[in-house]
PDB file of N, CA and C in Angstrom:
ATOM      1  N   MET A   1     137.040  94.875 133.549  1.00  0.00           N
ATOM      2  CA  MET A   1     135.655  94.886 133.996  1.00  0.00           C
ATOM      3  C   MET A   1     135.251  96.207 134.640  1.00  0.00           C
ATOM      4  N   GLU A   2     136.162  97.139 134.754  1.00  0.00           N
ATOM      5  CA  GLU A   2     135.835  98.381 135.441  1.00  0.00           C
ATOM      6  C   GLU A   2     134.897  99.272 134.620  1.00  0.00           C
ATOM      7  N   HIS A   3     134.751  99.020 133.334  1.00  0.00           N
ATOM      8  CA  HIS A   3     133.878  99.827 132.491  1.00  0.00           C
ATOM      9  C   HIS A   3     132.537  99.146 132.220  1.00  0.00           C
ATOM     10  N   ALA A   4     132.267  98.067 132.891  1.00  0.00           N
ATOM     11  CA  ALA A   4     131.054  97.299 132.623  1.00  0.00           C
ATOM     12  C   ALA A   4     129.784  98.114 132.880  1.00  0.00           C
ATOM     13  N   VAL A   5     129.775  98.911 133.920  1.00  0.00           N
ATOM     14  CA  VAL A   5     128.586  99.707 134.239  1.00  0.00           C
ATOM     15  C   VAL A   5     128.348 100.743 133.132  1.00  0.00           C
ATOM     16  N   TYR A   6     129.413 101.395 132.693  1.00  0.00           N
ATOM     17  CA  TYR A   6     129.293 102.378 131.616  1.00  0.00           C
ATOM     18  C   TYR A   6     128.771 101.714 130.344  1.00  0.00           C
ATOM     19  N   ILE A   7     129.294 100.555 130.006  1.00  0.00           N
ATOM     20  CA  ILE A   7     128.872  99.844 128.795  1.00  0.00           C
ATOM     21  C   ILE A   7     127.414  99.421 128.913  1.00  0.00           C
ATOM     22  N   ALA A   8     127.017  98.928 130.077  1.00  0.00           N
ATOM     23  CA  ALA A   8     125.629  98.519 130.281  1.00  0.00           C
ATOM     24  C   ALA A   8     124.685  99.713 130.125  1.00  0.00           C
ATOM     25  N   TRP A   9     125.036 100.878 130.704  1.00  0.00           N
ATOM     26  CA  TRP A   9     124.197 102.067 130.566  1.00  0.00           C
ATOM     27  C   TRP A   9     124.161 102.572 129.135  1.00  0.00           C
ATOM     28  N   ALA A  10     125.277 102.438 128.436  1.00  0.00           N
ATOM     29  CA  ALA A  10     125.308 102.868 127.036  1.00  0.00           C
ATOM     30  C   ALA A  10     124.369 102.003 126.196  1.00  0.00           C
ATOM     31  N   TYR A  11     124.408 100.699 126.407  1.00  0.00           N
ATOM     32  CA  TYR A  11     123.487  99.812 125.685  1.00  0.00           C
ATOM     33  C   TYR A  11     122.035 100.096 126.070  1.00  0.00           C
ATOM     34  N   ALA A  12     121.783 100.325 127.353  1.00  0.00           N
ATOM     35  CA  ALA A  12     120.416 100.613 127.797  1.00  0.00           C
ATOM     36  C   ALA A  12     119.927 101.928 127.187  1.00  0.00           C
ATOM     37  N   GLY A  13     120.789 102.923 127.142  1.00  0.00           N
ATOM     38  CA  GLY A  13     120.412 104.199 126.554  1.00  0.00           C
ATOM     39  C   GLY A  13     120.131 104.070 125.064  1.00  0.00           C
ATOM     40  N   ALA A  14     120.983 103.324 124.373  1.00  0.00           N
ATOM     41  CA  ALA A  14     120.766 103.117 122.934  1.00  0.00           C
ATOM     42  C   ALA A  14     119.475 102.343 122.691  1.00  0.00           C
ATOM     43  N   ALA A  15     119.199 101.342 123.504  1.00  0.00           N
ATOM     44  CA  ALA A  15     117.973 100.559 123.355  1.00  0.00           C
ATOM     45  C   ALA A  15     116.743 101.429 123.626  1.00  0.00           C
ATOM     46  N   ALA A  16     116.825 102.291 124.640  1.00  0.00           N
ATOM     47  CA  ALA A  16     115.704 103.183 124.944  1.00  0.00           C
ATOM     48  C   ALA A  16     115.478 104.168 123.796  1.00  0.00           C
ATOM     49  N   PHE A  17     116.551 104.673 123.222  1.00  0.00           N
ATOM     50  CA  PHE A  17     116.433 105.602 122.099  1.00  0.00           C
ATOM     51  C   PHE A  17     115.792 104.929 120.894  1.00  0.00           C
ATOM     52  N   VAL A  18     116.225 103.725 120.563  1.00  0.00           N
ATOM     53  CA  VAL A  18     115.663 102.992 119.424  1.00  0.00           C
ATOM     54  C   VAL A  18     114.194 102.668 119.682  1.00  0.00           C
ATOM     55  N   ALA A  19     113.857 102.276 120.908  1.00  0.00           N
ATOM     56  CA  ALA A  19     112.456 101.980 121.241  1.00  0.00           C
ATOM     57  C   ALA A  19     111.591 103.238 121.116  1.00  0.00           C
ATOM     58  N   ALA A  20     112.080 104.362 121.621  1.00  0.00           N
ATOM     59  CA  ALA A  20     111.321 105.613 121.528  1.00  0.00           C
ATOM     60  C   ALA A  20     111.153 106.038 120.070  1.00  0.00           C
ATOM     61  N   LEU A  21     112.191 105.904 119.287  1.00  0.00           N
ATOM     62  CA  LEU A  21     112.108 106.259 117.876  1.00  0.00           C
ATOM     63  C   LEU A  21     111.123 105.355 117.143  1.00  0.00           C
ATOM     64  N   SER A  22     111.121 104.081 117.458  1.00  0.00           N
ATOM     65  CA  SER A  22     110.183 103.142 116.838  1.00  0.00           C
ATOM     66  C   SER A  22     108.747 103.486 117.205  1.00  0.00           C
ATOM     67  N   LEU A  23     108.504 103.799 118.461  1.00  0.00           N
ATOM     68  CA  LEU A  23     107.153 104.180 118.892  1.00  0.00           C
ATOM     69  C   LEU A  23     106.706 105.466 118.210  1.00  0.00           C
ATOM     70  N   TRP A  24     107.607 106.433 118.059  1.00  0.00           N
ATOM     71  CA  TRP A  24     107.260 107.677 117.393  1.00  0.00           C
ATOM     72  C   TRP A  24     106.901 107.428 115.925  1.00  0.00           C
ATOM     73  N   VAL A  25     107.641 106.538 115.255  1.00  0.00           N
ATOM     74  CA  VAL A  25     107.355 106.235 113.846  1.00  0.00           C
ATOM     75  C   VAL A  25     105.981 105.603 113.712  1.00  0.00           C
ATOM     76  N   VAL A  26     105.646 104.662 114.587  1.00  0.00           N
ATOM     77  CA  VAL A  26     104.333 104.021 114.546  1.00  0.00           C
ATOM     78  C   VAL A  26     103.235 105.053 114.814  1.00  0.00           C
ATOM     79  N   TRP A  27     103.415 105.900 115.822  1.00  0.00           N
ATOM     80  CA  TRP A  27     102.426 106.929 116.151  1.00  0.00           C
ATOM     81  C   TRP A  27     102.234 107.890 114.983  1.00  0.00           C
ATOM     82  N   ASP A  28     103.338 108.329 114.381  1.00  0.00           N
ATOM     83  CA  ASP A  28     103.251 109.274 113.277  1.00  0.00           C
ATOM     84  C   ASP A  28     102.589 108.647 112.052  1.00  0.00           C
ATOM     85  N   ALA A  29     102.891 107.387 111.763  1.00  0.00           N
ATOM     86  CA  ALA A  29     102.271 106.717 110.622  1.00  0.00           C
ATOM     87  C   ALA A  29     100.759 106.611 110.814  1.00  0.00           C
ATOM     88  N   ARG A  30     100.321 106.314 112.019  1.00  0.00           N
ATOM     89  CA  ARG A  30      98.884 106.241 112.289  1.00  0.00           C
ATOM     90  C   ARG A  30      98.229 107.618 112.180  1.00  0.00           C
ATOM     91  N   ARG A  31      98.934 108.661 112.644  1.00  0.00           N
ATOM     92  CA  ARG A  31      98.418 110.021 112.560  1.00  0.00           C
ATOM     93  C   ARG A  31      98.256 110.440 111.099  1.00  0.00           C
ATOM     94  N   VAL A  32      99.244 110.145 110.282  1.00  0.00           N
ATOM     95  CA  VAL A  32      99.177 110.505 108.866  1.00  0.00           C
ATOM     96  C   VAL A  32      98.064 109.716 108.170  1.00  0.00           C
ATOM     97  N   ALA A  33      97.928 108.443 108.511  1.00  0.00           N
ATOM     98  CA  ALA A  33      96.871 107.629 107.910  1.00  0.00           C
ATOM     99  C   ALA A  33      95.491 108.189 108.262  1.00  0.00           C
ATOM    100  N   ARG A  34      95.314 108.639 109.506  1.00  0.00           N
ATOM    101  CA  ARG A  34      94.028 109.245 109.896  1.00  0.00           C
ATOM    102  C   ARG A  34      93.767 110.532 109.115  1.00  0.00           C
ATOM    103  N   ARG A  35      94.809 111.341 108.936  1.00  0.00           N
ATOM    104  CA  ARG A  35      94.634 112.588 108.172  1.00  0.00           C
ATOM    105  C   ARG A  35      94.291 112.295 106.720  1.00  0.00           C
ATOM    106  N   LEU A  36      94.960 111.316 106.122  1.00  0.00           N
ATOM    107  CA  LEU A  36      94.658 110.958 104.738  1.00  0.00           C
ATOM    108  C   LEU A  36      93.225 110.452 104.610  1.00  0.00           C
ATOM    109  N   LYS A  37      92.804 109.621 105.555  1.00  0.00           N
ATOM    110  CA  LYS A  37      91.439 109.099 105.508  1.00  0.00           C
ATOM    111  C   LYS A  37      90.433 110.231 105.645  1.00  0.00           C
ATOM    112  N   ALA A  38      90.701 111.171 106.527  1.00  0.00           N
ATOM    113  CA  ALA A  38      89.789 112.311 106.694  1.00  0.00           C
ATOM    114  C   ALA A  38      89.696 113.125 105.412  1.00  0.00           C
ATOM    115  N   LEU A  39      90.818 113.343 104.746  1.00  0.00           N
ATOM    116  CA  LEU A  39      90.798 114.076 103.483  1.00  0.00           C
ATOM    117  C   LEU A  39      90.044 113.304 102.409  1.00  0.00           C
ATOM    118  N   GLU A  40      90.285 112.002 102.329  1.00  0.00           N
ATOM    119  CA  GLU A  40      89.590 111.188 101.329  1.00  0.00           C
ATOM    120  C   GLU A  40      88.099 111.131 101.612  1.00  0.00           C
ATOM    121  N   ASP A  41      87.715 111.105 102.887  1.00  0.00           N
ATOM    122  CA  ASP A  41      86.291 111.116 103.237  1.00  0.00           C
ATOM    123  C   ASP A  41      85.623 112.422 102.807  1.00  0.00           C
ATOM    124  N   ARG A  42      86.388 113.508 102.783  1.00  0.00           N
ATOM    125  CA  ARG A  42      85.864 114.803 102.331  1.00  0.00           C
ATOM    126  C   ARG A  42      85.880 114.912 100.812  1.00  0.00           C
ATOM    127  N   GLY A  43      86.403 113.906 100.133  1.00  0.00           N
ATOM    128  CA  GLY A  43      86.413 113.922  98.675  1.00  0.00           C
ATOM    129  C   GLY A  43      87.707 114.412  98.068  1.00  0.00           C
ATOM    130  N   ILE A  44      88.686 114.699  98.900  1.00  0.00           N
ATOM    131  CA  ILE A  44      89.973 115.173  98.399  1.00  0.00           C
ATOM    132  C   ILE A  44      90.845 113.949  98.136  1.00  0.00           C
ATOM    133  N   ARG A  45      91.253 113.779  96.892  1.00  0.00           N
ATOM    134  CA  ARG A  45      92.033 112.607  96.502  1.00  0.00           C
ATOM    135  C   ARG A  45      93.475 112.991  96.228  1.00  0.00           C
ATOM    136  N   ARG A  46      94.342 111.998  96.314  1.00  0.00           N
ATOM    137  CA  ARG A  46      95.745 112.214  95.963  1.00  0.00           C
ATOM    138  C   ARG A  46      95.888 112.255  94.464  1.00  0.00           C
ATOM    139  N   ARG A  47      96.785 113.085  93.989  1.00  0.00           N
ATOM    140  CA  ARG A  47      97.020 113.175  92.547  1.00  0.00           C
ATOM    141  C   ARG A  47      97.529 111.858  92.001  1.00  0.00           C
ATOM    142  N   SER A  48      98.290 111.115  92.798  1.00  0.00           N
ATOM    143  CA  SER A  48      98.851 109.854  92.328  1.00  0.00           C
ATOM    144  C   SER A  48      97.792 108.764  92.222  1.00  0.00           C
ATOM    145  N   ALA A  49      96.607 108.985  92.769  1.00  0.00           N
ATOM    146  CA  ALA A  49      95.537 107.982  92.739  1.00  0.00           C
ATOM    147  C   ALA A  49      94.844 107.916  91.386  1.00  0.00           C
ATOM    148  N   GLY A  50      95.056 108.904  90.531  1.00  0.00           N
ATOM    149  CA  GLY A  50      94.385 108.914  89.235  1.00  0.00           C
ATOM    150  C   GLY A  50      92.952 109.373  89.373  1.00  0.00           C
ATOM    151  N   SER A  51      92.174 109.119  88.346  1.00  0.00           N
ATOM    152  CA  SER A  51      90.774 109.550  88.397  1.00  0.00           C
ATOM    153  C   SER A  51      89.960 108.586  89.242  1.00  0.00           C
ATOM    154  N   ALA A  52      89.100 109.133  90.069  1.00  0.00           N
ATOM    155  CA  ALA A  52      88.256 108.316  90.928  1.00  0.00           C
ATOM    156  C   ALA A  52      87.091 107.757  90.122  1.00  0.00           C
ATOM    157  N   PRO A  53      86.686 106.530  90.415  1.00  0.00           N
ATOM    158  CA  PRO A  53      85.542 105.938  89.691  1.00  0.00           C
ATOM    159  C   PRO A  53      84.227 106.558  90.082  1.00  0.00           C
TER     160      PRO A  53
END
């Protein structure tokens, strides 16, 4: 039981890292979606979208 504090901090650190990484992914996905919408609003389309109607 002498390593319990170290193990608890290691789990807490790993959990904090995963939470921060998850928040960054969500933030970045929203940022990219806003940029894509702004480009599409200006009439710039993705090549993969094909011809616009």
